[in-house]
PDB file of N, CA and C in Angstrom:
ATOM      1  N   MET A   1       9.207 -67.871 -68.604  1.00  0.00           N
ATOM      2  CA  MET A   1       8.817 -67.938 -66.809  1.00  0.00           C
ATOM      3  C   MET A   1       9.863 -67.971 -66.278  1.00  0.00           C
ATOM      4  N   ASN A   2       9.397 -67.319 -65.058  1.00  0.00           N
ATOM      5  CA  ASN A   2      10.718 -67.917 -63.931  1.00  0.00           C
ATOM      6  C   ASN A   2      10.319 -68.819 -63.137  1.00  0.00           C
ATOM      7  N   GLU A   3      10.562 -69.646 -62.826  1.00  0.00           N
ATOM      8  CA  GLU A   3      10.651 -71.280 -61.852  1.00  0.00           C
ATOM      9  C   GLU A   3      10.569 -70.789 -60.505  1.00  0.00           C
ATOM     10  N   LEU A   4       9.492 -71.217 -59.735  1.00  0.00           N
ATOM     11  CA  LEU A   4       9.708 -70.524 -58.048  1.00  0.00           C
ATOM     12  C   LEU A   4      10.721 -71.671 -57.171  1.00  0.00           C
ATOM     13  N   ASP A   5      11.471 -70.684 -56.815  1.00  0.00           N
ATOM     14  CA  ASP A   5      12.873 -72.071 -55.851  1.00  0.00           C
ATOM     15  C   ASP A   5      12.452 -71.874 -54.496  1.00  0.00           C
ATOM     16  N   ASN A   6      11.912 -73.391 -54.544  1.00  0.00           N
ATOM     17  CA  ASN A   6      11.108 -73.228 -53.078  1.00  0.00           C
ATOM     18  C   ASN A   6      12.153 -73.428 -51.861  1.00  0.00           C
ATOM     19  N   THR A   7      13.743 -73.826 -52.105  1.00  0.00           N
ATOM     20  CA  THR A   7      14.673 -74.483 -51.270  1.00  0.00           C
ATOM     21  C   THR A   7      15.040 -72.844 -50.479  1.00  0.00           C
ATOM     22  N   GLY A   8      15.301 -71.599 -51.464  1.00  0.00           N
ATOM     23  CA  GLY A   8      15.569 -70.541 -50.817  1.00  0.00           C
ATOM     24  C   GLY A   8      14.427 -69.511 -49.974  1.00  0.00           C
ATOM     25  N   ILE A   9      13.266 -70.312 -50.099  1.00  0.00           N
ATOM     26  CA  ILE A   9      12.476 -70.023 -48.608  1.00  0.00           C
ATOM     27  C   ILE A   9      12.638 -70.841 -48.073  1.00  0.00           C
ATOM     28  N   ILE A  10      13.066 -72.179 -48.313  1.00  0.00           N
ATOM     29  CA  ILE A  10      12.700 -73.250 -46.898  1.00  0.00           C
ATOM     30  C   ILE A  10      14.096 -72.444 -46.061  1.00  0.00           C
ATOM     31  N   LYS A  11      15.496 -72.406 -46.745  1.00  0.00           N
ATOM     32  CA  LYS A  11      16.715 -71.662 -46.256  1.00  0.00           C
ATOM     33  C   LYS A  11      15.928 -70.834 -45.142  1.00  0.00           C
ATOM     34  N   LYS A  12      15.339 -69.231 -45.621  1.00  0.00           N
ATOM     35  CA  LYS A  12      15.059 -68.304 -45.416  1.00  0.00           C
ATOM     36  C   LYS A  12      14.389 -68.627 -43.954  1.00  0.00           C
ATOM     37  N   ARG A  13      13.637 -69.741 -43.937  1.00  0.00           N
ATOM     38  CA  ARG A  13      12.929 -70.205 -42.860  1.00  0.00           C
ATOM     39  C   ARG A  13      13.580 -70.822 -41.576  1.00  0.00           C
ATOM     40  N   ARG A  14      14.230 -71.689 -42.211  1.00  0.00           N
ATOM     41  CA  ARG A  14      15.598 -72.299 -41.679  1.00  0.00           C
ATOM     42  C   ARG A  14      15.975 -71.107 -40.420  1.00  0.00           C
ATOM     43  N   SER A  15      16.534 -70.414 -41.190  1.00  0.00           N
ATOM     44  CA  SER A  15      17.645 -69.142 -40.633  1.00  0.00           C
ATOM     45  C   SER A  15      16.781 -68.507 -39.360  1.00  0.00           C
ATOM     46  N   LYS A  16      15.640 -68.371 -40.046  1.00  0.00           N
ATOM     47  CA  LYS A  16      14.624 -67.733 -39.093  1.00  0.00           C
ATOM     48  C   LYS A  16      14.789 -68.200 -37.656  1.00  0.00           C
ATOM     49  N   SER A  17      14.425 -69.353 -38.051  1.00  0.00           N
ATOM     50  CA  SER A  17      14.262 -70.039 -36.970  1.00  0.00           C
ATOM     51  C   SER A  17      15.249 -70.651 -35.926  1.00  0.00           C
ATOM     52  N   ILE A  18      16.209 -70.233 -36.738  1.00  0.00           N
ATOM     53  CA  ILE A  18      17.718 -70.749 -35.728  1.00  0.00           C
ATOM     54  C   ILE A  18      17.784 -69.533 -34.868  1.00  0.00           C
ATOM     55  N   GLN A  19      17.247 -68.197 -35.737  1.00  0.00           N
ATOM     56  CA  GLN A  19      18.125 -67.068 -34.977  1.00  0.00           C
ATOM     57  C   GLN A  19      16.910 -67.127 -33.633  1.00  0.00           C
ATOM     58  N   SER A  20      15.422 -67.268 -33.987  1.00  0.00           N
ATOM     59  CA  SER A  20      14.439 -67.086 -33.081  1.00  0.00           C
ATOM     60  C   SER A  20      14.996 -68.125 -31.728  1.00  0.00           C
ATOM     61  N   ASN A  21      15.267 -69.320 -31.956  1.00  0.00           N
ATOM     62  CA  ASN A  21      16.003 -70.069 -31.150  1.00  0.00           C
ATOM     63  C   ASN A  21      17.279 -69.270 -30.222  1.00  0.00           C
ATOM     64  N   THR A  22      17.930 -68.797 -30.822  1.00  0.00           N
ATOM     65  CA  THR A  22      19.033 -68.613 -30.257  1.00  0.00           C
ATOM     66  C   THR A  22      18.884 -67.239 -29.459  1.00  0.00           C
ATOM     67  N   ASP A  23      18.029 -66.589 -30.273  1.00  0.00           N
ATOM     68  CA  ASP A  23      17.550 -65.487 -29.096  1.00  0.00           C
ATOM     69  C   ASP A  23      16.505 -65.945 -27.805  1.00  0.00           C
ATOM     70  N   VAL A  24      15.761 -66.563 -27.977  1.00  0.00           N
ATOM     71  CA  VAL A  24      15.257 -66.870 -26.822  1.00  0.00           C
ATOM     72  C   VAL A  24      15.928 -67.416 -25.887  1.00  0.00           C
ATOM     73  N   ASN A  25      17.259 -68.674 -26.228  1.00  0.00           N
ATOM     74  CA  ASN A  25      18.394 -69.031 -25.048  1.00  0.00           C
ATOM     75  C   ASN A  25      18.824 -67.803 -24.682  1.00  0.00           C
ATOM     76  N   LEU A  26      19.272 -66.646 -25.467  1.00  0.00           N
ATOM     77  CA  LEU A  26      19.985 -65.718 -24.925  1.00  0.00           C
ATOM     78  C   LEU A  26      19.212 -65.208 -23.865  1.00  0.00           C
ATOM     79  N   ARG A  27      17.643 -64.465 -24.048  1.00  0.00           N
ATOM     80  CA  ARG A  27      17.257 -64.198 -23.327  1.00  0.00           C
ATOM     81  C   ARG A  27      17.228 -64.726 -22.087  1.00  0.00           C
ATOM     82  N   GLU A  28      16.908 -66.203 -22.177  1.00  0.00           N
ATOM     83  CA  GLU A  28      16.923 -66.956 -20.986  1.00  0.00           C
ATOM     84  C   GLU A  28      18.002 -66.848 -20.232  1.00  0.00           C
ATOM     85  N   ASP A  29      19.034 -66.915 -20.762  1.00  0.00           N
ATOM     86  CA  ASP A  29      19.973 -67.160 -20.329  1.00  0.00           C
ATOM     87  C   ASP A  29      20.525 -65.878 -19.161  1.00  0.00           C
ATOM     88  N   ALA A  30      20.115 -64.563 -20.348  1.00  0.00           N
ATOM     89  CA  ALA A  30      20.209 -62.967 -19.633  1.00  0.00           C
ATOM     90  C   ALA A  30      19.651 -63.033 -18.478  1.00  0.00           C
ATOM     91  N   CYS A  31      18.331 -63.821 -18.627  1.00  0.00           N
ATOM     92  CA  CYS A  31      17.427 -63.754 -17.096  1.00  0.00           C
ATOM     93  C   CYS A  31      17.385 -64.703 -16.087  1.00  0.00           C
ATOM     94  N   GLU A  32      17.995 -65.341 -16.343  1.00  0.00           N
ATOM     95  CA  GLU A  32      18.690 -66.246 -15.320  1.00  0.00           C
ATOM     96  C   GLU A  32      19.799 -65.938 -14.811  1.00  0.00           C
ATOM     97  N   GLN A  33      20.718 -64.534 -15.114  1.00  0.00           N
ATOM     98  CA  GLN A  33      21.977 -64.211 -14.586  1.00  0.00           C
ATOM     99  C   GLN A  33      21.255 -63.127 -13.963  1.00  0.00           C
ATOM    100  N   ILE A  34      20.286 -62.203 -14.419  1.00  0.00           N
ATOM    101  CA  ILE A  34      19.974 -61.115 -13.648  1.00  0.00           C
ATOM    102  C   ILE A  34      18.906 -61.746 -12.317  1.00  0.00           C
ATOM    103  N   ALA A  35      18.362 -62.866 -12.492  1.00  0.00           N
ATOM    104  CA  ALA A  35      17.759 -63.568 -11.425  1.00  0.00           C
ATOM    105  C   ALA A  35      18.643 -63.639 -10.298  1.00  0.00           C
ATOM    106  N   ARG A  36      19.610 -64.305 -10.888  1.00  0.00           N
ATOM    107  CA  ARG A  36      20.973 -64.548  -9.978  1.00  0.00           C
ATOM    108  C   ARG A  36      21.202 -63.437  -9.095  1.00  0.00           C
ATOM    109  N   PHE A  37      21.564 -62.508  -9.776  1.00  0.00           N
ATOM    110  CA  PHE A  37      22.471 -61.105  -9.311  1.00  0.00           C
ATOM    111  C   PHE A  37      20.988 -60.990  -7.881  1.00  0.00           C
ATOM    112  N   PHE A  38      19.612 -60.618  -8.495  1.00  0.00           N
ATOM    113  CA  PHE A  38      18.855 -60.147  -7.415  1.00  0.00           C
ATOM    114  C   PHE A  38      18.786 -61.201  -5.891  1.00  0.00           C
ATOM    115  N   TYR A  39      18.811 -62.348  -6.796  1.00  0.00           N
ATOM    116  CA  TYR A  39      19.002 -63.147  -5.092  1.00  0.00           C
ATOM    117  C   TYR A  39      20.217 -63.264  -4.476  1.00  0.00           C
ATOM    118  N   ASN A  40      21.525 -63.327  -5.077  1.00  0.00           N
ATOM    119  CA  ASN A  40      22.756 -63.358  -4.682  1.00  0.00           C
ATOM    120  C   ASN A  40      22.981 -62.435  -3.855  1.00  0.00           C
ATOM    121  N   ASN A  41      22.483 -60.913  -4.204  1.00  0.00           N
ATOM    122  CA  ASN A  41      22.905 -59.883  -3.449  1.00  0.00           C
ATOM    123  C   ASN A  41      21.517 -59.299  -2.735  1.00  0.00           C
ATOM    124  N   ALA A  42      20.872 -59.634  -2.450  1.00  0.00           N
ATOM    125  CA  ALA A  42      19.675 -59.804  -1.428  1.00  0.00           C
ATOM    126  C   ALA A  42      18.945 -58.682  -2.237  1.00  0.00           C
ATOM    127  N   ILE A  43      18.751 -58.466  -3.389  1.00  0.00           N
ATOM    128  CA  ILE A  43      17.998 -57.353  -3.510  1.00  0.00           C
ATOM    129  C   ILE A  43      16.394 -57.718  -3.693  1.00  0.00           C
ATOM    130  N   THR A  44      15.707 -56.771  -3.299  1.00  0.00           N
ATOM    131  CA  THR A  44      14.086 -56.825  -3.278  1.00  0.00           C
ATOM    132  C   THR A  44      13.922 -57.032  -4.567  1.00  0.00           C
ATOM    133  N   LEU A  45      12.842 -57.544  -5.464  1.00  0.00           N
ATOM    134  CA  LEU A  45      12.422 -57.980  -6.335  1.00  0.00           C
ATOM    135  C   LEU A  45      11.192 -57.126  -6.681  1.00  0.00           C
ATOM    136  N   GLU A  46      10.857 -55.938  -5.691  1.00  0.00           N
ATOM    137  CA  GLU A  46      10.240 -54.899  -6.097  1.00  0.00           C
ATOM    138  C   GLU A  46      10.724 -53.780  -6.876  1.00  0.00           C
ATOM    139  N   VAL A  47      12.332 -53.985  -6.943  1.00  0.00           N
ATOM    140  CA  VAL A  47      13.519 -53.124  -7.520  1.00  0.00           C
ATOM    141  C   VAL A  47      13.174 -53.338  -9.358  1.00  0.00           C
ATOM    142  N   ALA A  48      13.009 -54.596  -9.874  1.00  0.00           N
ATOM    143  CA  ALA A  48      12.954 -55.365 -10.986  1.00  0.00           C
ATOM    144  C   ALA A  48      11.367 -54.047 -11.560  1.00  0.00           C
ATOM    145  N   LYS A  49      10.485 -53.422 -10.635  1.00  0.00           N
ATOM    146  CA  LYS A  49       9.045 -53.006 -11.073  1.00  0.00           C
ATOM    147  C   LYS A  49       9.753 -51.202 -11.199  1.00  0.00           C
ATOM    148  N   SER A  50      10.863 -50.706 -10.763  1.00  0.00           N
ATOM    149  CA  SER A  50      11.272 -49.509 -11.293  1.00  0.00           C
ATOM    150  C   SER A  50      11.490 -49.040 -12.347  1.00  0.00           C
ATOM    151  N   ASP A  51      11.626 -48.016 -12.670  1.00  0.00           N
ATOM    152  CA  ASP A  51      11.468 -47.422 -14.274  1.00  0.00           C
ATOM    153  C   ASP A  51      13.034 -46.989 -14.087  1.00  0.00           C
ATOM    154  N   ASP A  52      14.042 -46.856 -13.401  1.00  0.00           N
ATOM    155  CA  ASP A  52      15.888 -47.079 -13.545  1.00  0.00           C
ATOM    156  C   ASP A  52      15.842 -48.500 -13.721  1.00  0.00           C
ATOM    157  N   PHE A  53      15.204 -49.510 -13.463  1.00  0.00           N
ATOM    158  CA  PHE A  53      15.793 -50.684 -13.612  1.00  0.00           C
ATOM    159  C   PHE A  53      15.703 -50.921 -15.282  1.00  0.00           C
ATOM    160  N   GLN A  54      14.096 -50.952 -15.278  1.00  0.00           N
ATOM    161  CA  GLN A  54      13.831 -51.124 -16.782  1.00  0.00           C
ATOM    162  C   GLN A  54      14.806 -49.804 -17.925  1.00  0.00           C
ATOM    163  N   LYS A  55      14.997 -48.644 -17.758  1.00  0.00           N
ATOM    164  CA  LYS A  55      15.981 -48.355 -18.079  1.00  0.00           C
ATOM    165  C   LYS A  55      17.543 -48.258 -18.397  1.00  0.00           C
ATOM    166  N   MET A  56      18.224 -48.954 -17.305  1.00  0.00           N
ATOM    167  CA  MET A  56      18.997 -49.837 -17.550  1.00  0.00           C
ATOM    168  C   MET A  56      19.147 -50.888 -18.796  1.00  0.00           C
ATOM    169  N   CYS A  57      18.189 -51.770 -18.113  1.00  0.00           N
ATOM    170  CA  CYS A  57      18.308 -52.916 -19.106  1.00  0.00           C
ATOM    171  C   CYS A  57      18.041 -52.602 -20.536  1.00  0.00           C
ATOM    172  N   ASN A  58      17.199 -51.129 -20.611  1.00  0.00           N
ATOM    173  CA  ASN A  58      17.136 -51.217 -22.484  1.00  0.00           C
ATOM    174  C   ASN A  58      18.587 -50.378 -22.786  1.00  0.00           C
ATOM    175  N   LEU A  59      19.168 -49.569 -21.930  1.00  0.00           N
ATOM    176  CA  LEU A  59      20.223 -49.214 -22.545  1.00  0.00           C
ATOM    177  C   LEU A  59      21.965 -50.019 -22.487  1.00  0.00           C
ATOM    178  N   ILE A  60      21.316 -50.978 -21.982  1.00  0.00           N
ATOM    179  CA  ILE A  60      22.531 -51.983 -21.784  1.00  0.00           C
ATOM    180  C   ILE A  60      22.224 -52.354 -23.384  1.00  0.00           C
ATOM    181  N   ALA A  61      20.615 -53.199 -24.072  1.00  0.00           N
ATOM    182  CA  ALA A  61      20.762 -53.905 -24.660  1.00  0.00           C
ATOM    183  C   ALA A  61      20.890 -52.848 -25.770  1.00  0.00           C
ATOM    184  N   GLN A  62      20.341 -51.515 -25.654  1.00  0.00           N
ATOM    185  CA  GLN A  62      20.778 -50.459 -27.430  1.00  0.00           C
ATOM    186  C   GLN A  62      21.974 -50.784 -27.861  1.00  0.00           C
ATOM    187  N   HIS A  63      23.066 -50.609 -26.336  1.00  0.00           N
ATOM    188  CA  HIS A  63      24.716 -50.538 -26.342  1.00  0.00           C
ATOM    189  C   HIS A  63      25.324 -52.207 -27.054  1.00  0.00           C
ATOM    190  N   GLY A  64      25.067 -53.042 -26.984  1.00  0.00           N
ATOM    191  CA  GLY A  64      24.899 -54.491 -27.426  1.00  0.00           C
ATOM    192  C   GLY A  64      25.766 -54.857 -26.403  1.00  0.00           C
ATOM    193  N   PRO A  65      26.479 -56.437 -27.420  1.00  0.00           N
ATOM    194  CA  PRO A  65      26.997 -56.943 -26.520  1.00  0.00           C
ATOM    195  C   PRO A  65      28.649 -56.776 -25.985  1.00  0.00           C
ATOM    196  N   ARG A  66      29.016 -55.695 -26.551  1.00  0.00           N
ATOM    197  CA  ARG A  66      30.243 -55.321 -26.476  1.00  0.00           C
ATOM    198  C   ARG A  66      30.118 -54.680 -24.928  1.00  0.00           C
ATOM    199  N   PHE A  67      28.904 -54.196 -24.245  1.00  0.00           N
ATOM    200  CA  PHE A  67      29.106 -53.274 -23.024  1.00  0.00           C
ATOM    201  C   PHE A  67      29.631 -53.642 -22.049  1.00  0.00           C
ATOM    202  N   LYS A  68      30.930 -52.871 -21.450  1.00  0.00           N
ATOM    203  CA  LYS A  68      31.082 -52.834 -20.328  1.00  0.00           C
ATOM    204  C   LYS A  68      30.679 -52.487 -19.117  1.00  0.00           C
ATOM    205  N   PRO A  69      30.321 -53.169 -17.973  1.00  0.00           N
ATOM    206  CA  PRO A  69      29.691 -52.587 -17.294  1.00  0.00           C
ATOM    207  C   PRO A  69      31.045 -51.762 -16.448  1.00  0.00           C
ATOM    208  N   PRO A  70      30.084 -50.749 -15.699  1.00  0.00           N
ATOM    209  CA  PRO A  70      31.150 -49.547 -14.857  1.00  0.00           C
ATOM    210  C   PRO A  70      31.705 -50.896 -13.665  1.00  0.00           C
ATOM    211  N   SER A  71      33.103 -49.797 -13.598  1.00  0.00           N
ATOM    212  CA  SER A  71      33.792 -50.524 -12.188  1.00  0.00           C
ATOM    213  C   SER A  71      33.314 -50.543 -10.648  1.00  0.00           C
ATOM    214  N   TYR A  72      34.254 -50.801 -10.243  1.00  0.00           N
ATOM    215  CA  TYR A  72      33.837 -50.468  -8.720  1.00  0.00           C
ATOM    216  C   TYR A  72      34.463 -49.164  -8.376  1.00  0.00           C
ATOM    217  N   ASP A  73      35.764 -48.996  -9.064  1.00  0.00           N
ATOM    218  CA  ASP A  73      35.877 -47.961  -8.586  1.00  0.00           C
ATOM    219  C   ASP A  73      35.220 -46.496  -9.196  1.00  0.00           C
ATOM    220  N   GLU A  74      34.683 -46.821 -10.444  1.00  0.00           N
ATOM    221  CA  GLU A  74      33.993 -45.789 -11.040  1.00  0.00           C
ATOM    222  C   GLU A  74      32.322 -45.727 -10.732  1.00  0.00           C
ATOM    223  N   LEU A  75      32.147 -47.210  -9.997  1.00  0.00           N
ATOM    224  CA  LEU A  75      30.650 -46.661  -9.461  1.00  0.00           C
ATOM    225  C   LEU A  75      31.438 -45.475  -8.063  1.00  0.00           C
ATOM    226  N   ARG A  76      31.971 -45.992  -7.112  1.00  0.00           N
ATOM    227  CA  ARG A  76      32.145 -45.502  -5.660  1.00  0.00           C
ATOM    228  C   ARG A  76      33.172 -44.366  -6.242  1.00  0.00           C
ATOM    229  N   GLY A  77      33.251 -43.995  -7.195  1.00  0.00           N
ATOM    230  CA  GLY A  77      33.661 -42.177  -7.324  1.00  0.00           C
ATOM    231  C   GLY A  77      33.043 -41.555  -8.940  1.00  0.00           C
ATOM    232  N   LYS A  78      33.235 -41.719  -9.942  1.00  0.00           N
ATOM    233  CA  LYS A  78      32.531 -41.156 -10.498  1.00  0.00           C
ATOM    234  C   LYS A  78      30.890 -40.964 -10.613  1.00  0.00           C
ATOM    235  N   TYR A  79      30.422 -42.241 -10.530  1.00  0.00           N
ATOM    236  CA  TYR A  79      28.640 -42.104 -10.835  1.00  0.00           C
ATOM    237  C   TYR A  79      28.442 -41.353  -9.315  1.00  0.00           C
ATOM    238  N   LEU A  80      29.027 -42.029  -8.602  1.00  0.00           N
ATOM    239  CA  LEU A  80      28.145 -41.820  -7.031  1.00  0.00           C
ATOM    240  C   LEU A  80      28.339 -39.946  -7.057  1.00  0.00           C
ATOM    241  N   ARG A  81      29.532 -39.383  -6.918  1.00  0.00           N
ATOM    242  CA  ARG A  81      29.765 -37.956  -7.193  1.00  0.00           C
ATOM    243  C   ARG A  81      28.337 -37.257  -7.982  1.00  0.00           C
ATOM    244  N   GLN A  82      28.075 -37.960  -9.119  1.00  0.00           N
ATOM    245  CA  GLN A  82      27.102 -37.462 -10.233  1.00  0.00           C
ATOM    246  C   GLN A  82      25.700 -37.485  -9.628  1.00  0.00           C
ATOM    247  N   GLN A  83      25.604 -38.747  -8.886  1.00  0.00           N
ATOM    248  CA  GLN A  83      24.052 -39.368  -8.237  1.00  0.00           C
ATOM    249  C   GLN A  83      24.078 -38.310  -7.297  1.00  0.00           C
ATOM    250  N   VAL A  84      25.103 -38.076  -6.490  1.00  0.00           N
ATOM    251  CA  VAL A  84      24.878 -36.870  -5.299  1.00  0.00           C
ATOM    252  C   VAL A  84      24.598 -35.680  -5.872  1.00  0.00           C
ATOM    253  N   ALA A  85      25.304 -34.976  -6.824  1.00  0.00           N
ATOM    254  CA  ALA A  85      24.740 -34.060  -7.245  1.00  0.00           C
ATOM    255  C   ALA A  85      23.590 -33.965  -7.675  1.00  0.00           C
ATOM    256  N   GLU A  86      23.641 -35.015  -8.823  1.00  0.00           N
ATOM    257  CA  GLU A  86      21.621 -34.612  -9.012  1.00  0.00           C
ATOM    258  C   GLU A  86      20.711 -34.765  -7.954  1.00  0.00           C
ATOM    259  N   THR A  87      20.950 -35.437  -6.762  1.00  0.00           N
ATOM    260  CA  THR A  87      20.062 -35.599  -5.657  1.00  0.00           C
ATOM    261  C   THR A  87      20.318 -33.699  -4.490  1.00  0.00           C
ATOM    262  N   LYS A  88      21.189 -33.174  -5.059  1.00  0.00           N
ATOM    263  CA  LYS A  88      21.093 -32.336  -4.288  1.00  0.00           C
ATOM    264  C   LYS A  88      20.910 -31.000  -4.848  1.00  0.00           C
ATOM    265  N   GLU A  89      20.798 -30.934  -6.605  1.00  0.00           N
ATOM    266  CA  GLU A  89      20.231 -30.008  -7.461  1.00  0.00           C
ATOM    267  C   GLU A  89      18.422 -30.555  -7.194  1.00  0.00           C
ATOM    268  N   SER A  90      17.964 -31.425  -7.166  1.00  0.00           N
ATOM    269  CA  SER A  90      16.490 -31.879  -6.805  1.00  0.00           C
ATOM    270  C   SER A  90      15.914 -31.641  -5.714  1.00  0.00           C
ATOM    271  N   MET A  91      16.930 -31.473  -4.270  1.00  0.00           N
ATOM    272  CA  MET A  91      16.484 -30.947  -3.245  1.00  0.00           C
ATOM    273  C   MET A  91      16.606 -29.104  -3.400  1.00  0.00           C
ATOM    274  N   GLU A  92      17.147 -28.953  -3.928  1.00  0.00           N
ATOM    275  CA  GLU A  92      17.488 -27.744  -3.967  1.00  0.00           C
ATOM    276  C   GLU A  92      15.989 -27.240  -4.415  1.00  0.00           C
ATOM    277  N   GLU A  93      15.658 -27.635  -5.840  1.00  0.00           N
ATOM    278  CA  GLU A  93      14.365 -27.071  -6.533  1.00  0.00           C
ATOM    279  C   GLU A  93      13.040 -27.608  -5.299  1.00  0.00           C
ATOM    280  N   HIS A  94      13.189 -28.641  -4.588  1.00  0.00           N
ATOM    281  CA  HIS A  94      12.419 -28.964  -3.992  1.00  0.00           C
ATOM    282  C   HIS A  94      12.268 -27.792  -2.543  1.00  0.00           C
ATOM    283  N   LYS A  95      13.429 -27.385  -2.351  1.00  0.00           N
ATOM    284  CA  LYS A  95      13.054 -26.256  -1.197  1.00  0.00           C
ATOM    285  C   LYS A  95      12.704 -24.985  -2.222  1.00  0.00           C
ATOM    286  N   THR A  96      12.958 -24.483  -2.927  1.00  0.00           N
ATOM    287  CA  THR A  96      12.439 -23.341  -3.660  1.00  0.00           C
ATOM    288  C   THR A  96      11.510 -23.580  -3.652  1.00  0.00           C
ATOM    289  N   TYR A  97      10.846 -24.396  -4.136  1.00  0.00           N
ATOM    290  CA  TYR A  97       9.255 -24.849  -4.278  1.00  0.00           C
ATOM    291  C   TYR A  97       8.460 -24.402  -3.030  1.00  0.00           C
ATOM    292  N   TRP A  98       9.294 -25.006  -1.857  1.00  0.00           N
ATOM    293  CA  TRP A  98       8.201 -24.970  -0.618  1.00  0.00           C
ATOM    294  C   TRP A  98       8.552 -23.797  -0.259  1.00  0.00           C
ATOM    295  N   LYS A  99       9.509 -22.957  -0.481  1.00  0.00           N
ATOM    296  CA  LYS A  99       9.855 -21.275  -0.083  1.00  0.00           C
ATOM    297  C   LYS A  99       8.207 -20.716  -0.824  1.00  0.00           C
ATOM    298  N   LYS A 100       8.121 -20.874  -1.661  1.00  0.00           N
ATOM    299  CA  LYS A 100       7.161 -20.270  -2.431  1.00  0.00           C
ATOM    300  C   LYS A 100       5.539 -21.007  -2.083  1.00  0.00           C
ATOM    301  N   GLN A 101       5.623 -21.952  -1.912  1.00  0.00           N
ATOM    302  CA  GLN A 101       4.235 -22.493  -0.967  1.00  0.00           C
ATOM    303  C   GLN A 101       3.959 -22.060   0.174  1.00  0.00           C
ATOM    304  N   GLY A 102       4.889 -21.356   1.191  1.00  0.00           N
ATOM    305  CA  GLY A 102       5.075 -20.946   2.570  1.00  0.00           C
ATOM    306  C   GLY A 102       5.120 -22.675   3.205  1.00  0.00           C
ATOM    307  N   ALA A 103       6.077 -23.592   3.086  1.00  0.00           N
ATOM    308  CA  ALA A 103       6.080 -24.639   3.733  1.00  0.00           C
ATOM    309  C   ALA A 103       7.257 -25.040   4.449  1.00  0.00           C
ATOM    310  N   LEU A 104       8.513 -23.687   3.605  1.00  0.00           N
ATOM    311  CA  LEU A 104       9.620 -23.319   4.957  1.00  0.00           C
ATOM    312  C   LEU A 104       9.555 -22.304   5.247  1.00  0.00           C
ATOM    313  N   SER A 105      10.019 -22.074   6.725  1.00  0.00           N
ATOM    314  CA  SER A 105       9.511 -20.410   7.446  1.00  0.00           C
ATOM    315  C   SER A 105      11.512 -20.083   7.237  1.00  0.00           C
TER     316      SER A 105
END
């Protein structure tokens, strides 16, 4: 008959507890930094309720600890152009819909 090794169970519990504490501390640090970002840049807290904010946080978390945020130049160039193009496309779709509905003459 095999003897039950309680030390293995205790070690597993300790490692889970340590991991859990580390996760809590990492989350707390991240939340503090997010809050600081909002406050220091005068960003309305309503932004935290937006789908875009949630999507951004989820994608950063999925990417992992080596995520490199976009640079100033990327934000003012590549990503701004992409957003402008998406906005124009959305506007054209709305205009087409409005014409069909008789909202635009």
